[in-house]
Amino acid sequence: MRVWRTAPGGGRAVLLDGVDWRVAQGERWALVGPNGAGKTTLLQIAGAVTHPSQGAARVLGERLGGADVRELRPRIGHVDARMAERFPPRLTALQVALTGAAGTILPPRGGGGGAERRRARDLLEAMGCGPLAGRAFRVLSAGERQRVLLARALMPRPRLLLLDEPTAGLDLPGREAFLARLDALAGCEPALTTVQVSHHLEEVAASTTHALLLRGGRAVAAGPVGAALTAASLSRCFGVPVAVTRAGGRLLATVDRGDGAS
């Protein structure tokens, strides 16, 4: 699969080149790589937002270009670091969660049905945001907003959950609270497939089962976490010597200076 765009002057800028990626139901993937590696482009294909320029892509069994994306997209939940700014400032946390039922930025007319409101409240509670349901979304902390958006993404009971740098810009407590909810979600929704994009290994959820490393639009390594997230593959991915350590079920990557200190 290849993806390119027209560059200034009429040439091609290749965003993904020769990427062959297969994800099974219930797997929890991390897409890891430096800026410009192609992570977000690949996530856009997985979200049925863009198509390959060459080659084929299937999402949830549907071939892009032949499937009705209006039917496909409600089966895909999405959270990113910039989404919080898109909602009208008057909305409460509950109303933002309710927008996920129809995939819009406005809550349903009449405030939604009873079943929808119960599900939204249950999801907010599961995210640790139950007491915040009636508060204005815009006054919540960045970490609280991201957990509300995770509840929103789960409203339509998606089969695929895409997370584009969901902890970017969060402080340490906010990051850890979000990742804890992802880990809990893996336990209570084992059939839900998740894909998380991150630059930083310490921001990858402990429940992640697989990883794909990208550099310059090409795959460096892919497979189960233990095989893909090695010091050797991460060094190739980021172009510097990398040391990998594990703490609390999570991995940490640091530059290996070769002097015993990272």
Protein backbone atom coordinates (compact mmCIF):
# COMPACT_ATOMS: atom_id res chain seq x y z
CA MET A 1 0.00 0.00 0.00
CA ARG A 2 1.27 3.46 -0.93
CA VAL A 3 -0.06 6.93 -0.14
CA TRP A 4 1.24 10.12 -1.68
CA ARG A 5 0.22 13.71 -2.16
CA THR A 6 1.16 16.25 -4.79
CA ALA A 7 4.09 18.34 -3.60
CA PRO A 8 4.73 21.99 -4.51
CA GLY A 9 6.15 22.00 -8.01
CA GLY A 10 4.10 18.99 -9.10
CA GLY A 11 6.14 16.11 -7.72
CA ARG A 12 4.96 13.41 -5.34
CA ALA A 13 5.52 13.40 -1.60
CA VAL A 14 5.23 9.78 -0.47
CA LEU A 15 3.54 9.46 2.94
CA LEU A 16 3.35 5.65 3.16
CA ASP A 17 5.38 3.27 1.05
CA GLY A 18 4.90 -0.49 0.93
CA VAL A 19 3.06 -0.80 4.24
CA ASP A 20 1.29 -4.16 4.69
CA TRP A 21 -0.55 -4.18 8.01
CA ARG A 22 -3.08 -6.70 9.28
CA VAL A 23 -5.00 -6.30 12.53
CA ALA A 24 -7.17 -9.01 14.07
CA GLN A 25 -10.26 -8.41 16.19
CA GLY A 26 -9.45 -7.70 19.81
CA GLU A 27 -5.82 -6.78 19.22
CA ARG A 28 -4.57 -3.54 20.75
CA TRP A 29 -1.95 -1.88 18.58
CA ALA A 30 0.45 1.00 19.08
CA LEU A 31 1.70 2.97 16.06
CA VAL A 32 5.06 4.38 17.06
CA GLY A 33 7.52 6.58 15.20
CA PRO A 34 9.01 10.06 14.84
CA ASN A 35 7.23 13.06 13.35
CA GLY A 36 6.43 12.57 9.68
CA ALA A 37 6.67 8.79 9.88
CA GLY A 38 3.17 8.25 8.44
CA LYS A 39 1.36 7.30 11.65
CA THR A 40 -1.54 9.73 11.29
CA THR A 41 -1.90 8.94 7.57
CA LEU A 42 -2.22 5.25 8.37
CA LEU A 43 -4.73 6.03 11.11
CA GLN A 44 -6.79 8.06 8.60
CA ILE A 45 -6.95 5.01 6.34
CA ALA A 46 -8.01 2.85 9.29
CA GLY A 47 -10.71 5.43 10.03
CA ALA A 48 -11.99 5.39 6.42
CA VAL A 49 -11.07 9.07 6.11
CA THR A 50 -8.62 8.63 3.22
CA HIS A 51 -7.79 5.91 0.71
CA PRO A 52 -4.47 4.48 -0.47
CA SER A 53 -3.11 6.06 -3.63
CA GLN A 54 -1.96 2.60 -4.72
CA GLY A 55 -2.97 -0.79 -3.38
CA ALA A 56 -6.03 -1.79 -1.40
CA ALA A 57 -7.21 -1.35 2.17
CA ARG A 58 -9.95 -3.14 4.09
CA VAL A 59 -11.41 -1.76 7.30
CA LEU A 60 -13.65 -4.05 9.39
CA GLY A 61 -13.85 -6.34 6.38
CA GLU A 62 -15.00 -3.59 4.00
CA ARG A 63 -12.86 -2.56 1.04
CA LEU A 64 -12.27 1.19 0.97
CA GLY A 65 -13.58 2.60 -2.26
CA GLY A 66 -16.34 -0.02 -2.43
CA ALA A 67 -17.95 0.36 1.00
CA ASP A 68 -20.43 3.01 2.05
CA VAL A 69 -18.36 5.02 4.54
CA ARG A 70 -21.56 6.42 6.06
CA GLU A 71 -22.30 2.92 7.30
CA LEU A 72 -18.68 2.09 8.13
CA ARG A 73 -17.68 5.14 10.19
CA PRO A 74 -20.25 4.66 13.01
CA ARG A 75 -18.47 1.38 13.75
CA ILE A 76 -15.23 3.29 14.37
CA GLY A 77 -14.61 5.38 17.51
CA HIS A 78 -12.03 8.16 17.43
CA VAL A 79 -10.19 10.31 19.97
CA ASP A 80 -7.38 12.76 19.26
CA ALA A 81 -5.53 15.51 21.08
CA ARG A 82 -7.27 18.31 19.12
CA MET A 83 -10.87 17.11 19.24
CA ALA A 84 -11.75 18.96 22.46
CA GLU A 85 -11.64 22.34 20.68
CA ARG A 86 -14.34 21.44 18.16
CA PHE A 87 -17.37 21.48 20.45
CA PRO A 88 -19.59 24.50 21.13
CA PRO A 89 -18.55 26.08 24.46
CA ARG A 90 -22.03 25.80 26.01
CA LEU A 91 -22.07 21.98 26.04
CA THR A 92 -21.82 20.00 29.26
CA ALA A 93 -19.70 16.88 29.63
CA LEU A 94 -22.86 14.77 29.32
CA GLN A 95 -23.90 16.54 26.13
CA VAL A 96 -20.45 16.02 24.60
CA ALA A 97 -20.66 12.31 25.41
CA LEU A 98 -24.12 12.19 23.81
CA THR A 99 -22.78 13.62 20.53
CA GLY A 100 -20.99 10.30 20.03
CA ALA A 101 -24.29 8.51 19.42
CA ALA A 102 -24.60 10.18 16.00
CA GLY A 103 -20.95 11.16 15.47
CA THR A 104 -21.65 14.90 15.40
CA ILE A 105 -20.44 17.87 17.46
CA LEU A 106 -23.98 18.72 18.58
CA PRO A 107 -26.07 16.70 21.05
CA PRO A 108 -29.26 15.04 19.79
CA ARG A 109 -32.38 17.17 19.72
CA GLY A 110 -34.35 16.92 22.90
CA GLY A 111 -31.27 15.73 24.78
CA GLY A 112 -31.41 12.17 23.47
CA GLY A 113 -33.52 9.21 24.47
CA GLY A 114 -33.49 7.64 27.89
CA ALA A 115 -31.33 4.71 26.79
CA GLU A 116 -28.77 7.03 25.21
CA ARG A 117 -28.59 9.22 28.30
CA ARG A 118 -28.17 6.19 30.55
CA ARG A 119 -25.37 4.85 28.38
CA ALA A 120 -23.64 8.23 28.32
CA ARG A 121 -23.84 8.51 32.11
CA ASP A 122 -22.61 4.93 32.55
CA LEU A 123 -19.65 5.60 30.27
CA LEU A 124 -18.78 8.83 32.05
CA GLU A 125 -18.90 6.95 35.33
CA ALA A 126 -16.60 4.26 33.92
CA MET A 127 -14.17 7.00 32.88
CA GLY A 128 -14.17 8.51 36.37
CA CYS A 129 -16.13 11.52 35.12
CA GLY A 130 -19.59 10.74 36.52
CA PRO A 131 -19.65 13.75 38.90
CA LEU A 132 -18.65 16.01 35.98
CA ALA A 133 -21.66 15.20 33.78
CA GLY A 134 -23.40 18.54 34.39
CA ARG A 135 -20.30 20.72 34.23
CA ALA A 136 -19.36 22.76 31.19
CA PHE A 137 -17.00 20.71 29.06
CA ARG A 138 -14.74 23.68 28.36
CA VAL A 139 -13.92 24.25 32.05
CA LEU A 140 -12.75 20.69 32.66
CA SER A 141 -9.06 19.91 32.87
CA ALA A 142 -7.35 18.60 29.74
CA GLY A 143 -7.22 15.11 31.21
CA GLU A 144 -10.90 15.17 32.15
CA ARG A 145 -11.83 16.32 28.65
CA GLN A 146 -9.91 13.44 27.06
CA ARG A 147 -11.70 10.91 29.26
CA VAL A 148 -15.06 12.46 28.34
CA LEU A 149 -14.06 12.13 24.69
CA LEU A 150 -13.19 8.49 25.27
CA ALA A 151 -16.70 7.99 26.66
CA ARG A 152 -18.06 9.78 23.58
CA ALA A 153 -16.11 7.48 21.25
CA LEU A 154 -17.62 4.43 22.93
CA MET A 155 -21.23 5.63 22.68
CA PRO A 156 -22.12 3.83 19.41
CA ARG A 157 -20.48 0.59 20.60
CA PRO A 158 -17.71 0.67 17.98
CA ARG A 159 -15.74 -2.36 16.84
CA LEU A 160 -12.60 -0.29 16.25
CA LEU A 161 -11.23 2.50 18.48
CA LEU A 162 -8.61 4.88 17.03
CA LEU A 163 -6.56 7.05 19.38
CA ASP A 164 -4.36 9.71 17.76
CA GLU A 165 -1.89 10.87 20.44
CA PRO A 166 -4.70 11.01 23.03
CA THR A 167 -2.36 11.92 25.91
CA ALA A 168 -0.44 14.67 24.09
CA GLY A 169 -0.31 17.78 26.25
CA LEU A 170 -1.64 16.09 29.37
CA ASP A 171 0.12 16.41 32.70
CA LEU A 172 1.33 13.27 34.46
CA PRO A 173 -1.86 12.63 36.51
CA GLY A 174 -4.02 13.25 33.44
CA ARG A 175 -1.96 10.90 31.30
CA GLU A 176 -1.97 8.13 33.88
CA ALA A 177 -5.74 8.44 34.48
CA PHE A 178 -6.41 8.16 30.73
CA LEU A 179 -4.11 5.16 30.25
CA ALA A 180 -5.65 3.44 33.29
CA ARG A 181 -9.08 3.72 31.60
CA LEU A 182 -7.66 2.24 28.41
CA ASP A 183 -6.28 -0.70 30.35
CA ALA A 184 -9.62 -1.19 32.12
CA LEU A 185 -11.41 -1.03 28.76
CA ALA A 186 -9.22 -3.87 27.46
CA GLY A 187 -10.50 -6.02 30.32
CA CYS A 188 -14.21 -5.28 29.96
CA GLU A 189 -14.33 -5.00 26.13
CA PRO A 190 -11.95 -7.75 24.95
CA ALA A 191 -13.41 -7.85 21.42
CA LEU A 192 -12.79 -4.13 20.84
CA THR A 193 -9.83 -3.51 18.56
CA THR A 194 -7.78 -0.43 19.44
CA VAL A 195 -5.01 1.48 17.67
CA GLN A 196 -3.06 4.13 19.57
CA VAL A 197 -0.64 6.55 17.90
CA SER A 198 2.23 7.86 20.00
CA HIS A 199 5.71 9.35 19.70
CA HIS A 200 6.60 8.25 23.21
CA LEU A 201 6.79 4.71 24.52
CA GLU A 202 5.82 5.72 28.05
CA GLU A 203 2.46 6.93 26.69
CA VAL A 204 1.57 3.51 25.26
CA ALA A 205 -1.00 1.67 27.38
CA ALA A 206 0.21 -1.39 29.30
CA SER A 207 -2.63 -3.43 27.74
CA THR A 208 -1.17 -2.96 24.24
CA THR A 209 -0.64 -6.32 22.54
CA HIS A 210 1.03 -5.36 19.25
CA ALA A 211 3.09 -2.55 17.76
CA LEU A 212 3.93 -1.17 14.33
CA LEU A 213 7.01 1.04 14.05
CA LEU A 214 7.15 3.50 11.15
CA ARG A 215 9.96 5.66 9.79
CA GLY A 216 9.76 7.71 6.61
CA GLY A 217 6.50 6.05 5.61
CA ARG A 218 7.93 2.53 5.82
CA ALA A 219 7.41 -0.20 8.38
CA VAL A 220 10.47 -0.85 10.54
CA ALA A 221 8.96 -3.60 12.69
CA ALA A 222 5.53 -5.07 13.39
CA GLY A 223 4.14 -7.77 15.61
CA PRO A 224 3.59 -8.61 19.27
CA VAL A 225 4.93 -5.97 21.64
CA GLY A 226 7.77 -8.13 22.93
CA ALA A 227 9.08 -8.74 19.41
CA ALA A 228 8.46 -5.29 17.89
CA LEU A 229 9.37 -2.87 20.68
CA THR A 230 13.00 -3.88 21.09
CA ALA A 231 16.00 -1.63 21.52
CA ALA A 232 17.23 -2.60 18.04
CA SER A 233 13.95 -1.85 16.24
CA LEU A 234 13.38 1.40 18.15
CA SER A 235 16.94 2.50 17.36
CA ARG A 236 16.25 1.96 13.64
CA CYS A 237 12.91 3.71 13.96
CA PHE A 238 14.18 6.87 15.66
CA GLY A 239 17.67 6.95 14.17
CA VAL A 240 19.49 7.04 17.52
CA PRO A 241 20.70 4.30 19.91
CA VAL A 242 17.78 3.48 22.20
CA ALA A 243 17.66 1.62 25.51
CA VAL A 244 14.37 0.05 26.61
CA THR A 245 13.32 -0.61 30.18
CA ARG A 246 10.07 -1.87 31.68
CA ALA A 247 8.32 -0.52 34.77
CA GLY A 248 4.80 -1.18 36.02
CA GLY A 249 3.91 -3.13 32.89
CA ARG A 250 4.89 -0.23 30.61
CA LEU A 251 7.96 0.38 28.47
CA LEU A 252 10.28 3.37 28.60
CA ALA A 253 12.67 4.32 25.80
CA THR A 254 15.70 6.53 26.40
CA VAL A 255 18.71 7.48 24.30
CA ASP A 256 21.53 5.06 25.01
CA ARG A 257 24.70 7.12 25.34
CA GLY A 258 26.86 4.07 25.85
CA ASP A 259 28.23 5.24 29.18
CA GLY A 260 25.82 3.32 31.39
CA ALA A 261 23.50 6.34 31.69
CA SER A 262 20.52 6.92 29.47
